[in-house]
Amino acid sequence: MFNIPELMGQFQKMKQDLDKAKESLSSKTTTTEVGGGMVKVVMTGDLKVQSLIISEELLAMNDKKMLENLVSSCVSKAIETTQEMMQSELGSLTNGMMPFLQGLKF
């Protein structure tokens, strides 16, 4: 059976570790580009767009639809890339608790 005080201590430690990891993630960034680098997005680990860079070449094309598609694609790709980074960082913290979590009924 579970030792409740020990389990609560482990949950508290996991919460503290997760809080530290979240704080750390907010200072990390990912850079994503599409269209051969014509559009770049820099996103923080807490999914905030830090910068959006559009090349002069793309702007000179004066193709609104292409610009919209590339920006949308780049932001979506940046979210996906950043979420993968988050998962790799946060996943290691929660893996140790999975046997306990699976045994509990919520």
Protein backbone atom coordinates (compact mmCIF):
# COMPACT_ATOMS: atom_id res chain seq x y z
CA MET A 1 0.00 0.00 0.00
CA PHE A 2 1.03 3.63 -0.36
CA ASN A 3 2.83 5.54 2.36
CA ILE A 4 0.73 8.73 2.16
CA PRO A 5 3.20 11.11 3.90
CA GLU A 6 6.02 9.85 1.67
CA LEU A 7 3.84 10.17 -1.42
CA MET A 8 2.83 13.73 -0.48
CA GLY A 9 6.50 14.62 -0.02
CA GLN A 10 7.29 13.26 -3.46
CA PHE A 11 4.42 15.24 -5.00
CA GLN A 12 5.65 18.41 -3.28
CA LYS A 13 9.18 17.84 -4.59
CA MET A 14 7.84 17.17 -8.09
CA LYS A 15 5.79 20.40 -7.95
CA GLN A 16 8.86 22.39 -6.90
CA ASP A 17 10.91 20.82 -9.69
CA LEU A 18 8.16 21.53 -12.24
CA ASP A 19 7.93 25.17 -11.10
CA LYS A 20 11.71 25.56 -11.54
CA ALA A 21 11.58 23.91 -14.96
CA LYS A 22 8.73 26.18 -16.10
CA GLU A 23 10.70 29.23 -14.99
CA SER A 24 13.76 27.95 -16.83
CA LEU A 25 11.72 27.29 -19.98
CA SER A 26 10.50 30.88 -20.12
CA SER A 27 14.10 32.01 -20.68
CA LYS A 28 14.78 29.48 -23.46
CA THR A 29 13.88 30.02 -27.09
CA THR A 30 13.37 28.10 -30.29
CA THR A 31 13.87 29.55 -33.76
CA THR A 32 11.80 28.26 -36.64
CA GLU A 33 11.92 29.30 -40.27
CA VAL A 34 9.94 28.52 -43.41
CA GLY A 35 10.12 29.51 -47.04
CA GLY A 36 13.86 29.13 -47.20
CA GLY A 37 14.29 31.49 -44.28
CA MET A 38 11.95 34.18 -45.61
CA VAL A 39 9.91 33.99 -42.38
CA LYS A 40 11.41 33.28 -38.97
CA VAL A 41 9.75 33.03 -35.56
CA VAL A 42 11.59 33.08 -32.27
CA MET A 43 9.40 31.66 -29.50
CA THR A 44 10.04 31.38 -25.78
CA GLY A 45 9.57 28.16 -23.86
CA ASP A 46 6.31 29.48 -22.45
CA LEU A 47 4.89 29.78 -26.00
CA LYS A 48 5.24 33.53 -26.43
CA VAL A 49 6.36 34.89 -29.79
CA GLN A 50 9.51 36.85 -29.06
CA SER A 51 10.05 37.98 -32.63
CA LEU A 52 8.68 37.56 -36.14
CA ILE A 53 11.14 38.28 -38.93
CA ILE A 54 9.99 38.68 -42.53
CA SER A 55 12.62 39.04 -45.24
CA GLU A 56 12.69 42.11 -47.47
CA GLU A 57 12.61 39.72 -50.44
CA LEU A 58 9.23 38.34 -49.36
CA LEU A 59 7.83 41.80 -48.70
CA ALA A 60 9.00 42.94 -52.15
CA MET A 61 6.98 40.14 -53.76
CA ASN A 62 3.86 41.98 -52.62
CA ASP A 63 1.97 38.66 -52.37
CA LYS A 64 -0.36 39.00 -49.39
CA LYS A 65 -1.68 35.43 -49.54
CA MET A 66 1.83 33.92 -49.63
CA LEU A 67 2.89 36.11 -46.72
CA GLU A 68 -0.15 35.05 -44.67
CA ASN A 69 0.45 31.37 -45.43
CA LEU A 70 4.14 31.52 -44.57
CA VAL A 71 3.56 33.41 -41.30
CA SER A 72 0.79 31.02 -40.27
CA SER A 73 2.90 28.00 -41.15
CA CYS A 74 5.94 29.33 -39.31
CA VAL A 75 4.00 30.14 -36.13
CA SER A 76 2.38 26.69 -36.14
CA LYS A 77 5.75 25.02 -36.65
CA ALA A 78 7.27 27.17 -33.87
CA ILE A 79 4.54 26.07 -31.44
CA GLU A 80 5.14 22.42 -32.34
CA THR A 81 8.92 22.74 -31.95
CA THR A 82 8.59 24.58 -28.64
CA GLN A 83 6.13 22.03 -27.29
CA GLU A 84 8.61 19.26 -28.14
CA MET A 85 11.29 21.14 -26.21
CA MET A 86 8.90 21.56 -23.28
CA GLN A 87 8.02 17.86 -23.32
CA SER A 88 11.66 16.81 -23.31
CA GLU A 89 12.42 19.13 -20.38
CA LEU A 90 9.30 18.48 -18.30
CA GLY A 91 8.88 14.82 -19.21
CA SER A 92 11.96 13.75 -17.28
CA LEU A 93 10.50 15.30 -14.12
CA THR A 94 7.17 13.48 -14.27
CA ASN A 95 8.41 10.07 -15.48
CA GLY A 96 9.50 9.02 -12.01
CA MET A 97 6.02 9.61 -10.66
CA MET A 98 4.12 7.66 -13.32
CA PRO A 99 3.92 4.38 -11.34
CA PHE A 100 2.35 6.29 -8.42
CA LEU A 101 0.02 8.31 -10.63
CA GLN A 102 -1.20 5.26 -12.54
CA GLY A 103 -2.16 3.51 -9.28
CA LEU A 104 -4.34 6.38 -8.11
CA LYS A 105 -7.95 6.84 -9.09
CA PHE A 106 -9.08 10.43 -9.54
